[in-house]
PDB file of N, CA and C in Angstrom:
ATOM      1  N   MET A   1     116.655 129.485  76.011  1.00  0.00           N
ATOM      2  CA  MET A   1     116.176 130.514  75.115  1.00  0.00           C
ATOM      3  C   MET A   1     114.643 130.509  75.137  1.00  0.00           C
ATOM      4  N   THR A   2     114.054 131.669  75.219  1.00  0.00           N
ATOM      5  CA  THR A   2     112.601 131.742  75.259  1.00  0.00           C
ATOM      6  C   THR A   2     112.038 131.897  73.858  1.00  0.00           C
ATOM      7  N   MET A   3     110.819 131.425  73.721  1.00  0.00           N
ATOM      8  CA  MET A   3     110.116 131.536  72.452  1.00  0.00           C
ATOM      9  C   MET A   3     108.995 132.549  72.614  1.00  0.00           C
ATOM     10  N   LYS A   4     108.718 133.268  71.530  1.00  0.00           N
ATOM     11  CA  LYS A   4     107.637 134.249  71.524  1.00  0.00           C
ATOM     12  C   LYS A   4     106.737 133.953  70.326  1.00  0.00           C
ATOM     13  N   GLU A   5     105.436 133.899  70.588  1.00  0.00           N
ATOM     14  CA  GLU A   5     104.471 133.656  69.514  1.00  0.00           C
ATOM     15  C   GLU A   5     104.189 134.949  68.752  1.00  0.00           C
ATOM     16  N   VAL A   6     104.052 134.825  67.438  1.00  0.00           N
ATOM     17  CA  VAL A   6     103.693 135.942  66.578  1.00  0.00           C
ATOM     18  C   VAL A   6     102.264 135.727  66.106  1.00  0.00           C
ATOM     19  N   LYS A   7     101.433 136.750  66.265  1.00  0.00           N
ATOM     20  CA  LYS A   7     100.051 136.703  65.779  1.00  0.00           C
ATOM     21  C   LYS A   7      99.764 137.979  64.996  1.00  0.00           C
ATOM     22  N   THR A   8      99.065 137.834  63.890  1.00  0.00           N
ATOM     23  CA  THR A   8      98.655 138.993  63.116  1.00  0.00           C
ATOM     24  C   THR A   8      97.357 138.686  62.383  1.00  0.00           C
ATOM     25  N   ASN A   9      96.565 139.713  62.167  1.00  0.00           N
ATOM     26  CA  ASN A   9      95.354 139.595  61.353  1.00  0.00           C
ATOM     27  C   ASN A   9      95.665 139.794  59.870  1.00  0.00           C
ATOM     28  N   ASN A  10      96.927 140.122  59.544  1.00  0.00           N
ATOM     29  CA  ASN A  10      97.327 140.368  58.160  1.00  0.00           C
ATOM     30  C   ASN A  10      97.821 139.111  57.443  1.00  0.00           C
ATOM     31  N   ALA A  11      97.668 137.971  58.101  1.00  0.00           N
ATOM     32  CA  ALA A  11      97.957 136.666  57.495  1.00  0.00           C
ATOM     33  C   ALA A  11      96.883 135.722  58.021  1.00  0.00           C
ATOM     34  N   PRO A  12      96.619 134.635  57.320  1.00  0.00           N
ATOM     35  CA  PRO A  12      95.569 133.722  57.779  1.00  0.00           C
ATOM     36  C   PRO A  12      95.850 133.192  59.184  1.00  0.00           C
ATOM     37  N   ALA A  13      94.794 133.063  59.966  1.00  0.00           N
ATOM     38  CA  ALA A  13      94.910 132.489  61.306  1.00  0.00           C
ATOM     39  C   ALA A  13      95.268 131.014  61.188  1.00  0.00           C
ATOM     40  N   ALA A  14      95.916 130.500  62.204  1.00  0.00           N
ATOM     41  CA  ALA A  14      96.234 129.075  62.239  1.00  0.00           C
ATOM     42  C   ALA A  14      94.940 128.265  62.192  1.00  0.00           C
ATOM     43  N   ILE A  15      94.952 127.179  61.410  1.00  0.00           N
ATOM     44  CA  ILE A  15      93.753 126.337  61.300  1.00  0.00           C
ATOM     45  C   ILE A  15      93.958 125.021  62.041  1.00  0.00           C
ATOM     46  N   GLY A  16      94.867 125.039  62.986  1.00  0.00           N
ATOM     47  CA  GLY A  16      95.151 123.855  63.784  1.00  0.00           C
ATOM     48  C   GLY A  16      95.929 124.255  65.020  1.00  0.00           C
ATOM     49  N   PRO A  17      96.462 123.285  65.734  1.00  0.00           N
ATOM     50  CA  PRO A  17      97.194 123.570  66.967  1.00  0.00           C
ATOM     51  C   PRO A  17      98.645 123.977  66.694  1.00  0.00           C
ATOM     52  N   TYR A  18      98.820 125.136  66.089  1.00  0.00           N
ATOM     53  CA  TYR A  18     100.146 125.670  65.816  1.00  0.00           C
ATOM     54  C   TYR A  18     100.085 127.189  65.812  1.00  0.00           C
ATOM     55  N   SER A  19     101.238 127.821  65.884  1.00  0.00           N
ATOM     56  CA  SER A  19     101.342 129.278  65.862  1.00  0.00           C
ATOM     57  C   SER A  19     101.589 129.756  64.434  1.00  0.00           C
ATOM     58  N   GLN A  20     101.156 130.980  64.128  1.00  0.00           N
ATOM     59  CA  GLN A  20     101.454 131.551  62.820  1.00  0.00           C
ATOM     60  C   GLN A  20     102.966 131.634  62.618  1.00  0.00           C
ATOM     61  N   ALA A  21     103.664 132.048  63.671  1.00  0.00           N
ATOM     62  CA  ALA A  21     105.124 132.098  63.643  1.00  0.00           C
ATOM     63  C   ALA A  21     105.630 132.082  65.078  1.00  0.00           C
ATOM     64  N   ILE A  22     106.878 131.709  65.217  1.00  0.00           N
ATOM     65  CA  ILE A  22     107.557 131.694  66.513  1.00  0.00           C
ATOM     66  C   ILE A  22     108.895 132.412  66.351  1.00  0.00           C
ATOM     67  N   ILE A  23     109.209 133.260  67.330  1.00  0.00           N
ATOM     68  CA  ILE A  23     110.528 133.876  67.397  1.00  0.00           C
ATOM     69  C   ILE A  23     111.311 133.119  68.457  1.00  0.00           C
ATOM     70  N   SER A  24     112.488 132.658  68.073  1.00  0.00           N
ATOM     71  CA  SER A  24     113.397 131.998  69.003  1.00  0.00           C
ATOM     72  C   SER A  24     114.761 132.637  68.812  1.00  0.00           C
ATOM     73  N   GLY A  25     115.245 133.308  69.845  1.00  0.00           N
ATOM     74  CA  GLY A  25     116.497 134.048  69.698  1.00  0.00           C
ATOM     75  C   GLY A  25     116.321 135.143  68.671  1.00  0.00           C
ATOM     76  N   ASN A  26     117.178 135.156  67.650  1.00  0.00           N
ATOM     77  CA  ASN A  26     117.103 136.156  66.590  1.00  0.00           C
ATOM     78  C   ASN A  26     116.553 135.577  65.287  1.00  0.00           C
ATOM     79  N   THR A  27     115.777 134.493  65.425  1.00  0.00           N
ATOM     80  CA  THR A  27     115.255 133.813  64.248  1.00  0.00           C
ATOM     81  C   THR A  27     113.739 133.718  64.309  1.00  0.00           C
ATOM     82  N   VAL A  28     113.103 133.949  63.172  1.00  0.00           N
ATOM     83  CA  VAL A  28     111.651 133.817  63.044  1.00  0.00           C
ATOM     84  C   VAL A  28     111.366 132.585  62.195  1.00  0.00           C
ATOM     85  N   PHE A  29     110.530 131.706  62.731  1.00  0.00           N
ATOM     86  CA  PHE A  29     110.104 130.509  62.022  1.00  0.00           C
ATOM     87  C   PHE A  29     108.631 130.701  61.671  1.00  0.00           C
ATOM     88  N   ALA A  30     108.354 130.959  60.397  1.00  0.00           N
ATOM     89  CA  ALA A  30     106.979 131.188  59.953  1.00  0.00           C
ATOM     90  C   ALA A  30     106.361 129.873  59.502  1.00  0.00           C
ATOM     91  N   SER A  31     105.198 129.564  60.056  1.00  0.00           N
ATOM     92  CA  SER A  31     104.461 128.380  59.610  1.00  0.00           C
ATOM     93  C   SER A  31     104.067 128.545  58.152  1.00  0.00           C
ATOM     94  N   GLY A  32     103.745 127.432  57.523  1.00  0.00           N
ATOM     95  CA  GLY A  32     103.343 127.472  56.123  1.00  0.00           C
ATOM     96  C   GLY A  32     102.160 128.396  55.903  1.00  0.00           C
ATOM     97  N   GLN A  33     102.291 129.235  54.892  1.00  0.00           N
ATOM     98  CA  GLN A  33     101.237 130.181  54.540  1.00  0.00           C
ATOM     99  C   GLN A  33     100.563 129.716  53.257  1.00  0.00           C
ATOM    100  N   ILE A  34      99.253 129.545  53.346  1.00  0.00           N
ATOM    101  CA  ILE A  34      98.484 129.191  52.157  1.00  0.00           C
ATOM    102  C   ILE A  34      97.842 130.466  51.608  1.00  0.00           C
ATOM    103  N   PRO A  35      97.373 130.430  50.379  1.00  0.00           N
ATOM    104  CA  PRO A  35      96.864 131.639  49.737  1.00  0.00           C
ATOM    105  C   PRO A  35      95.429 132.009  50.123  1.00  0.00           C
ATOM    106  N   VAL A  36      95.222 132.208  51.407  1.00  0.00           N
ATOM    107  CA  VAL A  36      93.927 132.670  51.892  1.00  0.00           C
ATOM    108  C   VAL A  36      94.044 134.163  52.155  1.00  0.00           C
ATOM    109  N   ASN A  37      93.133 134.931  51.599  1.00  0.00           N
ATOM    110  CA  ASN A  37      93.106 136.366  51.874  1.00  0.00           C
ATOM    111  C   ASN A  37      92.617 136.546  53.310  1.00  0.00           C
ATOM    112  N   PRO A  38      93.452 137.097  54.209  1.00  0.00           N
ATOM    113  CA  PRO A  38      93.043 137.192  55.610  1.00  0.00           C
ATOM    114  C   PRO A  38      91.892 138.167  55.843  1.00  0.00           C
ATOM    115  N   ALA A  39      91.664 139.077  54.908  1.00  0.00           N
ATOM    116  CA  ALA A  39      90.583 140.060  55.074  1.00  0.00           C
ATOM    117  C   ALA A  39      89.200 139.448  54.882  1.00  0.00           C
ATOM    118  N   ASN A  40      89.107 138.449  53.971  1.00  0.00           N
ATOM    119  CA  ASN A  40      87.778 137.907  53.681  1.00  0.00           C
ATOM    120  C   ASN A  40      87.722 136.371  53.665  1.00  0.00           C
ATOM    121  N   GLY A  41      88.867 135.717  53.870  1.00  0.00           N
ATOM    122  CA  GLY A  41      88.902 134.258  53.902  1.00  0.00           C
ATOM    123  C   GLY A  41      88.833 133.588  52.543  1.00  0.00           C
ATOM    124  N   GLU A  42      88.870 134.383  51.468  1.00  0.00           N
ATOM    125  CA  GLU A  42      88.759 133.814  50.128  1.00  0.00           C
ATOM    126  C   GLU A  42      90.107 133.329  49.605  1.00  0.00           C
ATOM    127  N   ILE A  43      90.036 132.349  48.712  1.00  0.00           N
ATOM    128  CA  ILE A  43      91.215 131.812  48.039  1.00  0.00           C
ATOM    129  C   ILE A  43      91.119 132.242  46.574  1.00  0.00           C
ATOM    130  N   PRO A  44      92.127 132.964  46.076  1.00  0.00           N
ATOM    131  CA  PRO A  44      92.049 133.419  44.684  1.00  0.00           C
ATOM    132  C   PRO A  44      92.134 132.249  43.702  1.00  0.00           C
ATOM    133  N   GLU A  45      91.685 132.497  42.488  1.00  0.00           N
ATOM    134  CA  GLU A  45      91.713 131.487  41.427  1.00  0.00           C
ATOM    135  C   GLU A  45      93.050 131.514  40.709  1.00  0.00           C
ATOM    136  N   GLY A  46      93.565 130.361  40.366  1.00  0.00           N
ATOM    137  CA  GLY A  46      94.761 130.256  39.535  1.00  0.00           C
ATOM    138  C   GLY A  46      96.054 130.281  40.333  1.00  0.00           C
ATOM    139  N   VAL A  47      97.069 129.636  39.779  1.00  0.00           N
ATOM    140  CA  VAL A  47      98.334 129.483  40.493  1.00  0.00           C
ATOM    141  C   VAL A  47      99.051 130.819  40.692  1.00  0.00           C
ATOM    142  N   GLU A  48      99.003 131.724  39.700  1.00  0.00           N
ATOM    143  CA  GLU A  48      99.694 133.011  39.854  1.00  0.00           C
ATOM    144  C   GLU A  48      99.083 133.829  40.988  1.00  0.00           C
ATOM    145  N   ALA A  49      97.764 133.937  41.003  1.00  0.00           N
ATOM    146  CA  ALA A  49      97.084 134.706  42.056  1.00  0.00           C
ATOM    147  C   ALA A  49      97.306 134.051  43.418  1.00  0.00           C
ATOM    148  N   GLN A  50      97.284 132.731  43.461  1.00  0.00           N
ATOM    149  CA  GLN A  50      97.511 132.044  44.729  1.00  0.00           C
ATOM    150  C   GLN A  50      98.948 132.242  45.200  1.00  0.00           C
ATOM    151  N   ALA A  51      99.905 132.199  44.294  1.00  0.00           N
ATOM    152  CA  ALA A  51     101.303 132.412  44.681  1.00  0.00           C
ATOM    153  C   ALA A  51     101.482 133.821  45.235  1.00  0.00           C
ATOM    154  N   ASN A  52     100.928 134.811  44.567  1.00  0.00           N
ATOM    155  CA  ASN A  52     101.033 136.189  45.066  1.00  0.00           C
ATOM    156  C   ASN A  52     100.417 136.323  46.456  1.00  0.00           C
ATOM    157  N   GLN A  53      99.280 135.699  46.689  1.00  0.00           N
ATOM    158  CA  GLN A  53      98.633 135.791  48.003  1.00  0.00           C
ATOM    159  C   GLN A  53      99.468 135.079  49.066  1.00  0.00           C
ATOM    160  N   ALA A  54      99.996 133.909  48.751  1.00  0.00           N
ATOM    161  CA  ALA A  54     100.805 133.170  49.724  1.00  0.00           C
ATOM    162  C   ALA A  54     102.060 133.951  50.097  1.00  0.00           C
ATOM    163  N   PHE A  55     102.755 134.521  49.104  1.00  0.00           N
ATOM    164  CA  PHE A  55     103.963 135.290  49.399  1.00  0.00           C
ATOM    165  C   PHE A  55     103.638 136.596  50.127  1.00  0.00           C
ATOM    166  N   THR A  56     102.498 137.200  49.814  1.00  0.00           N
ATOM    167  CA  THR A  56     102.061 138.384  50.559  1.00  0.00           C
ATOM    168  C   THR A  56     101.791 138.018  52.013  1.00  0.00           C
ATOM    169  N   ASN A  57     101.180 136.867  52.247  1.00  0.00           N
ATOM    170  CA  ASN A  57     100.929 136.417  53.619  1.00  0.00           C
ATOM    171  C   ASN A  57     102.246 136.206  54.373  1.00  0.00           C
ATOM    172  N   VAL A  58     103.238 135.619  53.714  1.00  0.00           N
ATOM    173  CA  VAL A  58     104.556 135.437  54.332  1.00  0.00           C
ATOM    174  C   VAL A  58     105.143 136.806  54.691  1.00  0.00           C
ATOM    175  N   LYS A  59     105.097 137.725  53.743  1.00  0.00           N
ATOM    176  CA  LYS A  59     105.626 139.082  53.949  1.00  0.00           C
ATOM    177  C   LYS A  59     104.951 139.748  55.145  1.00  0.00           C
ATOM    178  N   ASN A  60     103.630 139.694  55.197  1.00  0.00           N
ATOM    179  CA  ASN A  60     102.881 140.325  56.285  1.00  0.00           C
ATOM    180  C   ASN A  60     103.185 139.680  57.638  1.00  0.00           C
ATOM    181  N   LEU A  61     103.323 138.379  57.645  1.00  0.00           N
ATOM    182  CA  LEU A  61     103.622 137.670  58.884  1.00  0.00           C
ATOM    183  C   LEU A  61     105.016 138.042  59.398  1.00  0.00           C
ATOM    184  N   LEU A  62     105.978 138.114  58.501  1.00  0.00           N
ATOM    185  CA  LEU A  62     107.329 138.489  58.906  1.00  0.00           C
ATOM    186  C   LEU A  62     107.373 139.927  59.424  1.00  0.00           C
ATOM    187  N   GLU A  63     106.626 140.812  58.784  1.00  0.00           N
ATOM    188  CA  GLU A  63     106.571 142.196  59.262  1.00  0.00           C
ATOM    189  C   GLU A  63     105.953 142.260  60.655  1.00  0.00           C
ATOM    190  N   ALA A  64     104.951 141.451  60.926  1.00  0.00           N
ATOM    191  CA  ALA A  64     104.341 141.406  62.255  1.00  0.00           C
ATOM    192  C   ALA A  64     105.335 140.894  63.296  1.00  0.00           C
ATOM    193  N   ALA A  65     106.292 140.096  62.847  1.00  0.00           N
ATOM    194  CA  ALA A  65     107.319 139.560  63.749  1.00  0.00           C
ATOM    195  C   ALA A  65     108.453 140.560  63.977  1.00  0.00           C
ATOM    196  N   GLY A  66     108.454 141.645  63.220  1.00  0.00           N
ATOM    197  CA  GLY A  66     109.496 142.654  63.376  1.00  0.00           C
ATOM    198  C   GLY A  66     110.662 142.488  62.426  1.00  0.00           C
ATOM    199  N   THR A  67     110.456 141.745  61.360  1.00  0.00           N
ATOM    200  CA  THR A  67     111.502 141.566  60.359  1.00  0.00           C
ATOM    201  C   THR A  67     110.903 141.825  58.979  1.00  0.00           C
ATOM    202  N   SER A  68     111.573 141.361  57.932  1.00  0.00           N
ATOM    203  CA  SER A  68     111.055 141.601  56.582  1.00  0.00           C
ATOM    204  C   SER A  68     111.398 140.429  55.678  1.00  0.00           C
ATOM    205  N   ILE A  69     110.778 140.418  54.538  1.00  0.00           N
ATOM    206  CA  ILE A  69     111.020 139.360  53.555  1.00  0.00           C
ATOM    207  C   ILE A  69     112.465 139.406  53.052  1.00  0.00           C
ATOM    208  N   ASP A  70     113.116 140.573  53.162  1.00  0.00           N
ATOM    209  CA  ASP A  70     114.512 140.706  52.756  1.00  0.00           C
ATOM    210  C   ASP A  70     115.471 139.959  53.679  1.00  0.00           C
ATOM    211  N   LYS A  71     114.983 139.548  54.856  1.00  0.00           N
ATOM    212  CA  LYS A  71     115.841 138.859  55.820  1.00  0.00           C
ATOM    213  C   LYS A  71     115.556 137.355  55.878  1.00  0.00           C
ATOM    214  N   VAL A  72     114.820 136.859  54.881  1.00  0.00           N
ATOM    215  CA  VAL A  72     114.545 135.420  54.815  1.00  0.00           C
ATOM    216  C   VAL A  72     115.816 134.689  54.413  1.00  0.00           C
ATOM    217  N   ILE A  73     116.134 133.615  55.153  1.00  0.00           N
ATOM    218  CA  ILE A  73     117.329 132.836  54.850  1.00  0.00           C
ATOM    219  C   ILE A  73     117.000 131.469  54.248  1.00  0.00           C
ATOM    220  N   LYS A  74     115.756 130.989  54.453  1.00  0.00           N
ATOM    221  CA  LYS A  74     115.368 129.674  53.932  1.00  0.00           C
ATOM    222  C   LYS A  74     113.869 129.638  53.712  1.00  0.00           C
ATOM    223  N   THR A  75     113.451 129.087  52.601  1.00  0.00           N
ATOM    224  CA  THR A  75     112.027 128.858  52.347  1.00  0.00           C
ATOM    225  C   THR A  75     111.811 127.407  51.948  1.00  0.00           C
ATOM    226  N   THR A  76     110.600 126.970  52.163  1.00  0.00           N
ATOM    227  CA  THR A  76     110.146 125.697  51.613  1.00  0.00           C
ATOM    228  C   THR A  76     108.838 125.989  50.896  1.00  0.00           C
ATOM    229  N   VAL A  77     108.750 125.558  49.646  1.00  0.00           N
ATOM    230  CA  VAL A  77     107.549 125.773  48.839  1.00  0.00           C
ATOM    231  C   VAL A  77     106.976 124.399  48.510  1.00  0.00           C
ATOM    232  N   PHE A  78     105.742 124.192  48.925  1.00  0.00           N
ATOM    233  CA  PHE A  78     105.024 122.954  48.627  1.00  0.00           C
ATOM    234  C   PHE A  78     104.053 123.278  47.502  1.00  0.00           C
ATOM    235  N   ILE A  79     104.112 122.515  46.405  1.00  0.00           N
ATOM    236  CA  ILE A  79     103.205 122.785  45.289  1.00  0.00           C
ATOM    237  C   ILE A  79     102.431 121.523  44.926  1.00  0.00           C
ATOM    238  N   GLN A  80     101.222 121.749  44.472  1.00  0.00           N
ATOM    239  CA  GLN A  80     100.333 120.647  44.098  1.00  0.00           C
ATOM    240  C   GLN A  80     100.749 120.011  42.783  1.00  0.00           C
ATOM    241  N   ASN A  81     101.336 120.817  41.890  1.00  0.00           N
ATOM    242  CA  ASN A  81     101.667 120.321  40.553  1.00  0.00           C
ATOM    243  C   ASN A  81     103.002 120.902  40.109  1.00  0.00           C
ATOM    244  N   MET A  82     103.994 120.057  39.914  1.00  0.00           N
ATOM    245  CA  MET A  82     105.325 120.516  39.519  1.00  0.00           C
ATOM    246  C   MET A  82     105.302 121.239  38.177  1.00  0.00           C
ATOM    247  N   ASP A  83     104.262 121.060  37.376  1.00  0.00           N
ATOM    248  CA  ASP A  83     104.134 121.800  36.124  1.00  0.00           C
ATOM    249  C   ASP A  83     103.962 123.296  36.376  1.00  0.00           C
ATOM    250  N   ASP A  84     103.573 123.685  37.587  1.00  0.00           N
ATOM    251  CA  ASP A  84     103.420 125.100  37.946  1.00  0.00           C
ATOM    252  C   ASP A  84     104.727 125.722  38.432  1.00  0.00           C
ATOM    253  N   PHE A  85     105.797 124.941  38.492  1.00  0.00           N
ATOM    254  CA  PHE A  85     107.071 125.407  39.047  1.00  0.00           C
ATOM    255  C   PHE A  85     107.557 126.704  38.398  1.00  0.00           C
ATOM    256  N   GLY A  86     107.513 126.778  37.074  1.00  0.00           N
ATOM    257  CA  GLY A  86     107.993 127.969  36.356  1.00  0.00           C
ATOM    258  C   GLY A  86     107.215 129.220  36.722  1.00  0.00           C
ATOM    259  N   LYS A  87     105.909 129.123  36.749  1.00  0.00           N
ATOM    260  CA  LYS A  87     105.067 130.276  37.104  1.00  0.00           C
ATOM    261  C   LYS A  87     105.322 130.717  38.541  1.00  0.00           C
ATOM    262  N   ILE A  88     105.394 129.748  39.444  1.00  0.00           N
ATOM    263  CA  ILE A  88     105.634 130.071  40.849  1.00  0.00           C
ATOM    264  C   ILE A  88     107.029 130.673  41.016  1.00  0.00           C
ATOM    265  N   ASN A  89     107.998 130.152  40.291  1.00  0.00           N
ATOM    266  CA  ASN A  89     109.363 130.660  40.355  1.00  0.00           C
ATOM    267  C   ASN A  89     109.436 132.125  39.952  1.00  0.00           C
ATOM    268  N   GLU A  90     108.719 132.505  38.891  1.00  0.00           N
ATOM    269  CA  GLU A  90     108.695 133.908  38.444  1.00  0.00           C
ATOM    270  C   GLU A  90     108.157 134.813  39.544  1.00  0.00           C
ATOM    271  N   ILE A  91     107.076 134.400  40.178  1.00  0.00           N
ATOM    272  CA  ILE A  91     106.473 135.204  41.240  1.00  0.00           C
ATOM    273  C   ILE A  91     107.379 135.229  42.465  1.00  0.00           C
ATOM    274  N   TYR A  92     107.979 134.101  42.786  1.00  0.00           N
ATOM    275  CA  TYR A  92     108.936 134.011  43.895  1.00  0.00           C
ATOM    276  C   TYR A  92     110.036 135.057  43.711  1.00  0.00           C
ATOM    277  N   ALA A  93     110.583 135.135  42.505  1.00  0.00           N
ATOM    278  CA  ALA A  93     111.680 136.065  42.209  1.00  0.00           C
ATOM    279  C   ALA A  93     111.257 137.524  42.333  1.00  0.00           C
ATOM    280  N   SER A  94     109.964 137.803  42.267  1.00  0.00           N
ATOM    281  CA  SER A  94     109.505 139.194  42.419  1.00  0.00           C
ATOM    282  C   SER A  94     109.389 139.597  43.891  1.00  0.00           C
ATOM    283  N   TYR A  95     109.410 138.632  44.804  1.00  0.00           N
ATOM    284  CA  TYR A  95     109.313 138.917  46.236  1.00  0.00           C
ATOM    285  C   TYR A  95     110.681 138.901  46.920  1.00  0.00           C
ATOM    286  N   PHE A  96     111.630 138.148  46.400  1.00  0.00           N
ATOM    287  CA  PHE A  96     112.938 137.997  47.014  1.00  0.00           C
ATOM    288  C   PHE A  96     114.007 138.594  46.107  1.00  0.00           C
ATOM    289  N   THR A  97     115.097 139.066  46.728  1.00  0.00           N
ATOM    290  CA  THR A  97     116.191 139.652  45.973  1.00  0.00           C
ATOM    291  C   THR A  97     117.476 138.863  46.230  1.00  0.00           C
ATOM    292  N   GLU A  98     118.460 139.081  45.391  1.00  0.00           N
ATOM    293  CA  GLU A  98     119.744 138.401  45.547  1.00  0.00           C
ATOM    294  C   GLU A  98     120.485 138.943  46.757  1.00  0.00           C
ATOM    295  N   PRO A  99     121.195 138.144  47.486  1.00  0.00           N
ATOM    296  CA  PRO A  99     121.248 136.702  47.305  1.00  0.00           C
ATOM    297  C   PRO A  99     119.934 136.065  47.745  1.00  0.00           C
ATOM    298  N   PHE A 100     119.379 135.227  46.882  1.00  0.00           N
ATOM    299  CA  PHE A 100     118.099 134.601  47.180  1.00  0.00           C
ATOM    300  C   PHE A 100     118.241 133.654  48.361  1.00  0.00           C
ATOM    301  N   PRO A 101     117.151 133.477  49.127  1.00  0.00           N
ATOM    302  CA  PRO A 101     117.206 132.529  50.237  1.00  0.00           C
ATOM    303  C   PRO A 101     117.456 131.102  49.733  1.00  0.00           C
ATOM    304  N   ALA A 102     118.019 130.272  50.592  1.00  0.00           N
ATOM    305  CA  ALA A 102     118.071 128.842  50.288  1.00  0.00           C
ATOM    306  C   ALA A 102     116.619 128.365  50.174  1.00  0.00           C
ATOM    307  N   ARG A 103     116.377 127.325  49.382  1.00  0.00           N
ATOM    308  CA  ARG A 103     114.984 126.911  49.165  1.00  0.00           C
ATOM    309  C   ARG A 103     114.878 125.445  48.850  1.00  0.00           C
ATOM    310  N   SER A 104     113.797 124.864  49.310  1.00  0.00           N
ATOM    311  CA  SER A 104     113.373 123.538  48.874  1.00  0.00           C
ATOM    312  C   SER A 104     112.014 123.722  48.218  1.00  0.00           C
ATOM    313  N   CYS A 105     111.745 122.940  47.187  1.00  0.00           N
ATOM    314  CA  CYS A 105     110.436 122.974  46.532  1.00  0.00           C
ATOM    315  C   CYS A 105     110.036 121.533  46.263  1.00  0.00           C
ATOM    316  N   VAL A 106     108.892 121.153  46.785  1.00  0.00           N
ATOM    317  CA  VAL A 106     108.445 119.768  46.622  1.00  0.00           C
ATOM    318  C   VAL A 106     106.991 119.720  46.155  1.00  0.00           C
ATOM    319  N   GLU A 107     106.715 118.732  45.330  1.00  0.00           N
ATOM    320  CA  GLU A 107     105.335 118.483  44.912  1.00  0.00           C
ATOM    321  C   GLU A 107     104.690 117.572  45.955  1.00  0.00           C
ATOM    322  N   VAL A 108     103.478 117.927  46.343  1.00  0.00           N
ATOM    323  CA  VAL A 108     102.747 117.154  47.347  1.00  0.00           C
ATOM    324  C   VAL A 108     101.401 116.718  46.785  1.00  0.00           C
ATOM    325  N   ALA A 109     100.820 115.698  47.387  1.00  0.00           N
ATOM    326  CA  ALA A 109      99.546 115.166  46.903  1.00  0.00           C
ATOM    327  C   ALA A 109      98.380 116.095  47.201  1.00  0.00           C
ATOM    328  N   LYS A 110      98.369 116.694  48.396  1.00  0.00           N
ATOM    329  CA  LYS A 110      97.255 117.561  48.801  1.00  0.00           C
ATOM    330  C   LYS A 110      97.768 118.629  49.739  1.00  0.00           C
ATOM    331  N   LEU A 111      97.068 119.763  49.737  1.00  0.00           N
ATOM    332  CA  LEU A 111      97.359 120.860  50.657  1.00  0.00           C
ATOM    333  C   LEU A 111      96.055 121.293  51.322  1.00  0.00           C
ATOM    334  N   PRO A 112      96.139 121.950  52.480  1.00  0.00           N
ATOM    335  CA  PRO A 112      94.917 122.379  53.168  1.00  0.00           C
ATOM    336  C   PRO A 112      94.021 123.230  52.267  1.00  0.00           C
ATOM    337  N   LYS A 113      92.739 123.028  52.407  1.00  0.00           N
ATOM    338  CA  LYS A 113      91.710 123.782  51.680  1.00  0.00           C
ATOM    339  C   LYS A 113      91.809 123.637  50.160  1.00  0.00           C
ATOM    340  N   GLY A 114      92.555 122.630  49.691  1.00  0.00           N
ATOM    341  CA  GLY A 114      92.669 122.391  48.258  1.00  0.00           C
ATOM    342  C   GLY A 114      93.480 123.432  47.501  1.00  0.00           C
ATOM    343  N   VAL A 115      94.329 124.196  48.199  1.00  0.00           N
ATOM    344  CA  VAL A 115      95.119 125.237  47.535  1.00  0.00           C
ATOM    345  C   VAL A 115      96.210 124.617  46.677  1.00  0.00           C
ATOM    346  N   LEU A 116      96.825 125.440  45.836  1.00  0.00           N
ATOM    347  CA  LEU A 116      97.825 124.966  44.889  1.00  0.00           C
ATOM    348  C   LEU A 116      99.249 125.061  45.407  1.00  0.00           C
ATOM    349  N   LEU A 117      99.473 125.841  46.488  1.00  0.00           N
ATOM    350  CA  LEU A 117     100.807 125.934  47.066  1.00  0.00           C
ATOM    351  C   LEU A 117     100.743 126.395  48.514  1.00  0.00           C
ATOM    352  N   GLU A 118     101.833 126.149  49.223  1.00  0.00           N
ATOM    353  CA  GLU A 118     102.011 126.601  50.604  1.00  0.00           C
ATOM    354  C   GLU A 118     103.485 126.976  50.747  1.00  0.00           C
ATOM    355  N   VAL A 119     103.752 128.058  51.486  1.00  0.00           N
ATOM    356  CA  VAL A 119     105.119 128.564  51.620  1.00  0.00           C
ATOM    357  C   VAL A 119     105.443 128.769  53.089  1.00  0.00           C
ATOM    358  N   GLU A 120     106.579 128.220  53.519  1.00  0.00           N
ATOM    359  CA  GLU A 120     107.063 128.495  54.866  1.00  0.00           C
ATOM    360  C   GLU A 120     108.417 129.184  54.752  1.00  0.00           C
ATOM    361  N   ALA A 121     108.791 129.933  55.801  1.00  0.00           N
ATOM    362  CA  ALA A 121     110.020 130.708  55.742  1.00  0.00           C
ATOM    363  C   ALA A 121     110.695 130.766  57.109  1.00  0.00           C
ATOM    364  N   ILE A 122     112.010 130.909  57.056  1.00  0.00           N
ATOM    365  CA  ILE A 122     112.824 131.169  58.236  1.00  0.00           C
ATOM    366  C   ILE A 122     113.564 132.465  57.942  1.00  0.00           C
ATOM    367  N   ALA A 123     113.505 133.403  58.894  1.00  0.00           N
ATOM    368  CA  ALA A 123     114.128 134.712  58.694  1.00  0.00           C
ATOM    369  C   ALA A 123     114.881 135.156  59.937  1.00  0.00           C
ATOM    370  N   GLU A 124     115.829 136.044  59.736  1.00  0.00           N
ATOM    371  CA  GLU A 124     116.526 136.683  60.846  1.00  0.00           C
ATOM    372  C   GLU A 124     115.744 137.913  61.280  1.00  0.00           C
ATOM    373  N   LEU A 125     115.865 138.260  62.542  1.00  0.00           N
ATOM    374  CA  LEU A 125     115.245 139.514  63.015  1.00  0.00           C
ATOM    375  C   LEU A 125     116.097 140.690  62.579  1.00  0.00           C
TER     376      LEU A 125
END
C-alpha cells in the first residue's frame, strides 16, 4: 500500500521531521495539531480559544486530505491540565457529531510551544 503526504497552509506546518498528515489506503492519519493560527503563527490566549484553534486546524487538515471532520473515527487529545477537561469537552462536542469518534484524553507534562492542548485524528476518506 502506498502512502501519500498531505500538506496545507491552512494548518500549522510541521515543526519537526514528520508530515502534517499521511493517507494510507482509505485512512488519513493526522499528526497532532496544536493551537497555532497558520495565518500568522500566533497562539490564542486561554484554553477555550486554544481548543477552537486546534480543532479548526484538524478540520482544515482533514479537508486538505480530501475528507472531513465528520469522518473522524478516532482522536487523541493531550491536555496540559485535566482541570480543563470540561471546557475542552464542550468545544470538542461542537466540532463532532454523533456517533462521536472513539477518543483518548491524557494529561501531559508539556506540549510544544507551551500550548494547553494538542489533538490528533484518524479519519476515513
